[in-house]
Amino acid sequence: MNKLITVFFLALALTLSACNTLKGVGQDLQKAGEKIEDAAKK
């Protein structure tokens, strides 16, 4: 269980460090939401 938690937080840290800013995180989430919305429309 501890390994799973460690892997989760490591992946989260890598994801957030790739964005550099909270604005970047927001833009990434917005793009992901748009793709999900487009897929739901099909």
C-alpha atoms as a PDB file:
ATOM      1  CA  MET A   1       0.000   0.000   0.000  1.00  0.00           C
ATOM      2  CA  ASN A   2       2.834   2.398   0.832  1.00  0.00           C
ATOM      3  CA  LYS A   3       4.411   1.805  -2.565  1.00  0.00           C
ATOM      4  CA  LEU A   4       1.147   2.680  -4.290  1.00  0.00           C
ATOM      5  CA  ILE A   5       0.872   5.936  -2.369  1.00  0.00           C
ATOM      6  CA  THR A   6       4.506   6.771  -3.134  1.00  0.00           C
ATOM      7  CA  VAL A   7       4.033   6.133  -6.854  1.00  0.00           C
ATOM      8  CA  PHE A   8       0.858   8.257  -6.874  1.00  0.00           C
ATOM      9  CA  PHE A   9       2.550  11.248  -5.263  1.00  0.00           C
ATOM     10  CA  LEU A  10       5.614  10.891  -7.474  1.00  0.00           C
ATOM     11  CA  ALA A  11       3.424  10.931 -10.586  1.00  0.00           C
ATOM     12  CA  LEU A  12       1.506  13.912  -9.215  1.00  0.00           C
ATOM     13  CA  ALA A  13       4.738  15.809  -8.543  1.00  0.00           C
ATOM     14  CA  LEU A  14       6.042  15.113 -12.047  1.00  0.00           C
ATOM     15  CA  THR A  15       2.754  16.224 -13.579  1.00  0.00           C
ATOM     16  CA  LEU A  16       2.646  19.462 -11.624  1.00  0.00           C
ATOM     17  CA  SER A  17       6.297  20.259 -12.247  1.00  0.00           C
ATOM     18  CA  ALA A  18       5.708  19.958 -15.982  1.00  0.00           C
ATOM     19  CA  CYS A  19       3.119  22.738 -15.834  1.00  0.00           C
ATOM     20  CA  ASN A  20       5.305  25.181 -13.846  1.00  0.00           C
ATOM     21  CA  THR A  21       2.378  27.398 -12.853  1.00  0.00           C
ATOM     22  CA  LEU A  22      -1.156  27.145 -11.568  1.00  0.00           C
ATOM     23  CA  LYS A  23      -2.262  28.817 -14.779  1.00  0.00           C
ATOM     24  CA  GLY A  24      -0.685  25.950 -16.695  1.00  0.00           C
ATOM     25  CA  VAL A  25      -2.482  23.417 -14.514  1.00  0.00           C
ATOM     26  CA  GLY A  26      -5.777  25.162 -15.215  1.00  0.00           C
ATOM     27  CA  GLN A  27      -5.139  25.152 -18.947  1.00  0.00           C
ATOM     28  CA  ASP A  28      -4.265  21.457 -18.901  1.00  0.00           C
ATOM     29  CA  LEU A  29      -7.442  20.626 -16.989  1.00  0.00           C
ATOM     30  CA  GLN A  30      -9.504  22.723 -19.382  1.00  0.00           C
ATOM     31  CA  LYS A  31      -8.066  20.933 -22.414  1.00  0.00           C
ATOM     32  CA  ALA A  32      -8.712  17.545 -20.808  1.00  0.00           C
ATOM     33  CA  GLY A  33     -12.302  18.571 -20.084  1.00  0.00           C
ATOM     34  CA  GLU A  34     -12.819  19.703 -23.667  1.00  0.00           C
ATOM     35  CA  LYS A  35     -11.583  16.364 -25.004  1.00  0.00           C
ATOM     36  CA  ILE A  36     -13.900  14.480 -22.679  1.00  0.00           C
ATOM     37  CA  GLU A  37     -16.804  16.705 -23.735  1.00  0.00           C
ATOM     38  CA  ASP A  38     -16.024  16.140 -27.428  1.00  0.00           C
ATOM     39  CA  ALA A  39     -15.855  12.385 -26.889  1.00  0.00           C
ATOM     40  CA  ALA A  40     -19.235  12.450 -25.108  1.00  0.00           C
ATOM     41  CA  LYS A  41     -20.842  14.301 -28.032  1.00  0.00           C
ATOM     42  CA  LYS A  42     -19.830  11.579 -30.508  1.00  0.00           C
END
